[in-house]
Amino acid sequence: MKLIIWLLIGLAAGALAKKISPQQERPGWVSSMIVGIIGSLLGGFLFGIIGIQSTSLVGGFIFALIGSVIFLWLYHRYLSEKIDLGI
């Protein structure tokens, strides 16, 4: 059950991050979910380093959203010409 919730939070965070991002992103729920899951891992890692942890769904969503925006920025800044992920 936790996996399904994690995937749904990743989907929502990825979709919102793609809307927030100033770059033109390709539509699609699969790419939104991938961005959200990577963002969730990145956000959890970064906030864990500075000592902030979340125990709620809202906190997890915020971490995933911030991580997704950071991931999209890093992707478009450094990787978009080298790797085409279809994002």
N, C-alpha and C. Protein backbone atom coordinates (compact mmCIF):
# COMPACT_ATOMS: atom_id res chain seq x y z
N MET A 1 0.82 -1.19 0.00
CA MET A 1 0.00 0.00 0.00
C MET A 1 0.86 1.25 0.00
N LYS A 2 1.98 1.20 0.72
CA LYS A 2 2.86 2.37 0.76
C LYS A 2 3.46 2.66 -0.61
N LEU A 3 3.71 1.63 -1.39
CA LEU A 3 4.26 1.83 -2.72
C LEU A 3 3.28 2.58 -3.61
N ILE A 4 2.00 2.23 -3.52
CA ILE A 4 0.99 2.91 -4.33
C ILE A 4 0.88 4.38 -3.93
N ILE A 5 0.90 4.65 -2.64
CA ILE A 5 0.85 6.04 -2.16
C ILE A 5 2.08 6.80 -2.62
N TRP A 6 3.24 6.16 -2.55
CA TRP A 6 4.49 6.80 -2.98
C TRP A 6 4.43 7.13 -4.47
N LEU A 7 3.88 6.21 -5.28
CA LEU A 7 3.75 6.46 -6.71
C LEU A 7 2.76 7.59 -7.01
N LEU A 8 1.67 7.63 -6.27
CA LEU A 8 0.68 8.69 -6.48
C LEU A 8 1.23 10.06 -6.07
N ILE A 9 1.97 10.10 -4.97
CA ILE A 9 2.60 11.36 -4.56
C ILE A 9 3.63 11.78 -5.60
N GLY A 10 4.39 10.82 -6.11
CA GLY A 10 5.36 11.12 -7.16
C GLY A 10 4.70 11.64 -8.42
N LEU A 11 3.57 11.05 -8.79
CA LEU A 11 2.83 11.50 -9.96
C LEU A 11 2.35 12.94 -9.78
N ALA A 12 1.76 13.22 -8.63
CA ALA A 12 1.25 14.58 -8.38
C ALA A 12 2.38 15.60 -8.29
N ALA A 13 3.45 15.25 -7.60
CA ALA A 13 4.57 16.18 -7.48
C ALA A 13 5.26 16.40 -8.82
N GLY A 14 5.43 15.36 -9.60
CA GLY A 14 6.04 15.49 -10.92
C GLY A 14 5.20 16.33 -11.87
N ALA A 15 3.89 16.13 -11.84
CA ALA A 15 3.01 16.91 -12.71
C ALA A 15 3.03 18.38 -12.33
N LEU A 16 3.00 18.67 -11.02
CA LEU A 16 3.03 20.06 -10.58
C LEU A 16 4.39 20.70 -10.85
N ALA A 17 5.47 19.93 -10.67
CA ALA A 17 6.81 20.46 -10.96
C ALA A 17 6.97 20.78 -12.44
N LYS A 18 6.37 19.96 -13.30
CA LYS A 18 6.44 20.23 -14.74
C LYS A 18 5.66 21.48 -15.10
N LYS A 19 4.61 21.79 -14.35
CA LYS A 19 3.85 23.03 -14.58
C LYS A 19 4.61 24.25 -14.06
N ILE A 20 5.31 24.09 -12.94
CA ILE A 20 6.06 25.19 -12.34
C ILE A 20 7.31 25.52 -13.14
N SER A 21 7.93 24.50 -13.72
CA SER A 21 9.19 24.66 -14.44
C SER A 21 9.03 25.61 -15.62
N PRO A 22 10.00 26.51 -15.80
CA PRO A 22 9.88 27.47 -16.91
C PRO A 22 10.16 26.86 -18.28
N GLN A 23 10.73 25.67 -18.35
CA GLN A 23 11.00 25.02 -19.62
C GLN A 23 9.74 24.37 -20.15
N GLN A 24 9.74 24.12 -21.45
CA GLN A 24 8.63 23.39 -22.06
C GLN A 24 8.83 21.90 -21.79
N GLU A 25 7.89 21.31 -21.08
CA GLU A 25 7.97 19.89 -20.75
C GLU A 25 6.97 19.11 -21.60
N ARG A 26 7.32 17.89 -21.91
CA ARG A 26 6.39 17.02 -22.65
C ARG A 26 5.30 16.54 -21.71
N PRO A 27 4.06 16.49 -22.19
CA PRO A 27 2.99 15.98 -21.32
C PRO A 27 3.05 14.47 -21.20
N GLY A 28 2.44 13.96 -20.19
CA GLY A 28 2.36 12.51 -20.02
C GLY A 28 2.48 12.12 -18.56
N TRP A 29 1.70 11.14 -18.18
CA TRP A 29 1.69 10.76 -16.77
C TRP A 29 2.90 9.91 -16.41
N VAL A 30 3.44 9.16 -17.36
CA VAL A 30 4.60 8.33 -17.06
C VAL A 30 5.83 9.20 -16.77
N SER A 31 6.06 10.20 -17.61
CA SER A 31 7.21 11.08 -17.37
C SER A 31 7.00 11.91 -16.10
N SER A 32 5.77 12.28 -15.80
CA SER A 32 5.49 13.00 -14.55
C SER A 32 5.80 12.12 -13.34
N MET A 33 5.44 10.84 -13.44
CA MET A 33 5.70 9.94 -12.33
C MET A 33 7.20 9.71 -12.15
N ILE A 34 7.93 9.58 -13.26
CA ILE A 34 9.38 9.39 -13.17
C ILE A 34 10.03 10.62 -12.54
N VAL A 35 9.64 11.80 -12.99
CA VAL A 35 10.18 13.04 -12.41
C VAL A 35 9.84 13.12 -10.93
N GLY A 36 8.61 12.78 -10.56
CA GLY A 36 8.19 12.83 -9.17
C GLY A 36 8.92 11.83 -8.28
N ILE A 37 9.15 10.63 -8.77
CA ILE A 37 9.85 9.62 -7.97
C ILE A 37 11.31 10.02 -7.78
N ILE A 38 11.95 10.46 -8.85
CA ILE A 38 13.33 10.92 -8.71
C ILE A 38 13.38 12.14 -7.79
N GLY A 39 12.40 13.03 -7.93
CA GLY A 39 12.33 14.20 -7.06
C GLY A 39 12.09 13.83 -5.61
N SER A 40 11.28 12.81 -5.38
CA SER A 40 11.03 12.34 -4.03
C SER A 40 12.30 11.82 -3.38
N LEU A 41 13.05 11.04 -4.13
CA LEU A 41 14.32 10.53 -3.61
C LEU A 41 15.32 11.66 -3.36
N LEU A 42 15.41 12.58 -4.31
CA LEU A 42 16.33 13.70 -4.19
C LEU A 42 15.93 14.62 -3.04
N GLY A 43 14.64 14.94 -2.95
CA GLY A 43 14.17 15.80 -1.87
C GLY A 43 14.37 15.16 -0.50
N GLY A 44 14.04 13.88 -0.37
CA GLY A 44 14.26 13.19 0.89
C GLY A 44 15.73 13.16 1.28
N PHE A 45 16.60 12.95 0.31
CA PHE A 45 18.03 12.94 0.58
C PHE A 45 18.53 14.31 1.02
N LEU A 46 18.15 15.35 0.27
CA LEU A 46 18.63 16.70 0.58
C LEU A 46 18.10 17.20 1.92
N PHE A 47 16.82 16.97 2.18
CA PHE A 47 16.28 17.40 3.47
C PHE A 47 16.81 16.55 4.62
N GLY A 48 17.12 15.29 4.34
CA GLY A 48 17.74 14.44 5.36
C GLY A 48 19.12 14.91 5.74
N ILE A 49 19.86 15.44 4.77
CA ILE A 49 21.20 15.95 5.04
C ILE A 49 21.15 17.14 6.01
N ILE A 50 20.16 18.00 5.83
CA ILE A 50 20.09 19.17 6.70
C ILE A 50 19.28 18.89 7.97
N GLY A 51 18.79 17.68 8.13
CA GLY A 51 18.16 17.26 9.37
C GLY A 51 16.66 17.47 9.45
N ILE A 52 16.00 17.66 8.33
CA ILE A 52 14.55 17.84 8.33
C ILE A 52 13.92 16.54 7.83
N GLN A 53 12.97 16.02 8.60
CA GLN A 53 12.28 14.80 8.21
C GLN A 53 10.78 15.03 8.20
N SER A 54 10.09 14.25 7.40
CA SER A 54 8.64 14.37 7.29
C SER A 54 7.99 13.06 7.69
N THR A 55 6.90 13.17 8.41
CA THR A 55 6.14 11.97 8.79
C THR A 55 4.73 12.01 8.23
N SER A 56 4.41 13.04 7.46
CA SER A 56 3.05 13.16 6.92
C SER A 56 3.07 13.12 5.40
N LEU A 57 1.90 12.93 4.82
CA LEU A 57 1.78 12.91 3.37
C LEU A 57 2.04 14.29 2.78
N VAL A 58 1.60 15.33 3.46
CA VAL A 58 1.80 16.69 2.97
C VAL A 58 3.29 17.02 2.96
N GLY A 59 3.99 16.66 4.01
CA GLY A 59 5.43 16.89 4.05
C GLY A 59 6.16 16.11 2.98
N GLY A 60 5.77 14.87 2.77
CA GLY A 60 6.37 14.06 1.72
C GLY A 60 6.11 14.64 0.35
N PHE A 61 4.91 15.18 0.14
CA PHE A 61 4.59 15.81 -1.13
C PHE A 61 5.44 17.06 -1.34
N ILE A 62 5.62 17.85 -0.30
CA ILE A 62 6.45 19.07 -0.42
C ILE A 62 7.89 18.70 -0.72
N PHE A 63 8.42 17.69 -0.04
CA PHE A 63 9.78 17.23 -0.33
C PHE A 63 9.90 16.76 -1.76
N ALA A 64 8.92 15.99 -2.23
CA ALA A 64 8.94 15.48 -3.60
C ALA A 64 8.83 16.61 -4.61
N LEU A 65 8.01 17.59 -4.33
CA LEU A 65 7.85 18.73 -5.23
C LEU A 65 9.13 19.53 -5.34
N ILE A 66 9.74 19.84 -4.22
CA ILE A 66 11.00 20.60 -4.23
C ILE A 66 12.09 19.79 -4.92
N GLY A 67 12.18 18.50 -4.62
CA GLY A 67 13.16 17.64 -5.28
C GLY A 67 12.92 17.53 -6.77
N SER A 68 11.66 17.50 -7.19
CA SER A 68 11.33 17.41 -8.62
C SER A 68 11.71 18.68 -9.37
N VAL A 69 11.47 19.83 -8.75
CA VAL A 69 11.86 21.09 -9.38
C VAL A 69 13.38 21.17 -9.50
N ILE A 70 14.08 20.75 -8.46
CA ILE A 70 15.56 20.73 -8.51
C ILE A 70 16.03 19.76 -9.58
N PHE A 71 15.41 18.57 -9.66
CA PHE A 71 15.79 17.61 -10.68
C PHE A 71 15.58 18.15 -12.09
N LEU A 72 14.43 18.79 -12.34
CA LEU A 72 14.18 19.35 -13.66
C LEU A 72 15.17 20.45 -14.00
N TRP A 73 15.52 21.26 -13.01
CA TRP A 73 16.51 22.31 -13.25
C TRP A 73 17.86 21.69 -13.61
N LEU A 74 18.29 20.67 -12.84
CA LEU A 74 19.57 20.00 -13.12
C LEU A 74 19.53 19.32 -14.49
N TYR A 75 18.42 18.69 -14.80
CA TYR A 75 18.30 18.00 -16.08
C TYR A 75 18.43 18.98 -17.24
N HIS A 76 17.69 20.08 -17.20
CA HIS A 76 17.73 21.03 -18.30
C HIS A 76 19.04 21.81 -18.33
N ARG A 77 19.66 21.98 -17.19
CA ARG A 77 20.91 22.74 -17.13
C ARG A 77 22.10 21.92 -17.64
N TYR A 78 22.18 20.65 -17.26
CA TYR A 78 23.38 19.87 -17.53
C TYR A 78 23.20 18.65 -18.42
N LEU A 79 22.02 18.04 -18.42
CA LEU A 79 21.89 16.74 -19.06
C LEU A 79 21.04 16.70 -20.32
N SER A 80 20.28 17.73 -20.61
CA SER A 80 19.31 17.63 -21.69
C SER A 80 19.95 17.41 -23.06
N GLU A 81 21.15 17.94 -23.28
CA GLU A 81 21.81 17.71 -24.58
C GLU A 81 22.48 16.35 -24.63
N LYS A 82 22.88 15.80 -23.48
CA LYS A 82 23.60 14.54 -23.45
C LYS A 82 22.66 13.33 -23.39
N ILE A 83 21.56 13.47 -22.64
CA ILE A 83 20.64 12.36 -22.43
C ILE A 83 19.23 12.83 -22.74
N ASP A 84 18.52 12.10 -23.58
CA ASP A 84 17.14 12.44 -23.88
C ASP A 84 16.24 11.46 -23.14
N LEU A 85 15.67 11.92 -22.01
CA LEU A 85 14.78 11.07 -21.22
C LEU A 85 13.35 11.18 -21.65
N GLY A 86 13.07 12.08 -22.58
CA GLY A 86 11.70 12.27 -23.02
C GLY A 86 10.89 13.12 -22.05
N ILE A 87 11.57 13.92 -21.27
CA ILE A 87 10.89 14.75 -20.26
C ILE A 87 10.54 16.07 -20.87
